[in-house]
């Protein structure tokens, strides 16, 4: 099997993933998964598509992560891994879609508007 690559995005985080046959090693920005994401919840999010298809020990994954915070990065990585798994085996797409791993979460931060402290928040107003 050749190296399969895929892209995942979430908020401002971008994950580029390279998947090849191996023994389940996940490397992110040249660091191990447990080192890059110390939180077990984020590690679980990243491994969700692999665990769903029972292929966690079958593929080695190299990922480049840029932008965003750690939650957005972990979700971008999950999407990229799911997309790569679909490229490897198209029959898995239905299973991954039912769990919501193929759907790109398009919610982005709304921009700050002039004359307001935040995007929607207004300055305090009193009629006195």
Foldseek 3Di string as FASTA:
>chain_A
DAWFWFWFFFAHKIKIKTKDFAFQFEAEPNHGPCVVDVDPVLVCLLCVVCVLVVCNGTMYMYMYMDDDDSNRRSLRNLLGVLVRVCVVPVVCVVVCVVVPSPDHDPDYAAACDPQAPGNPHHDDDDPD
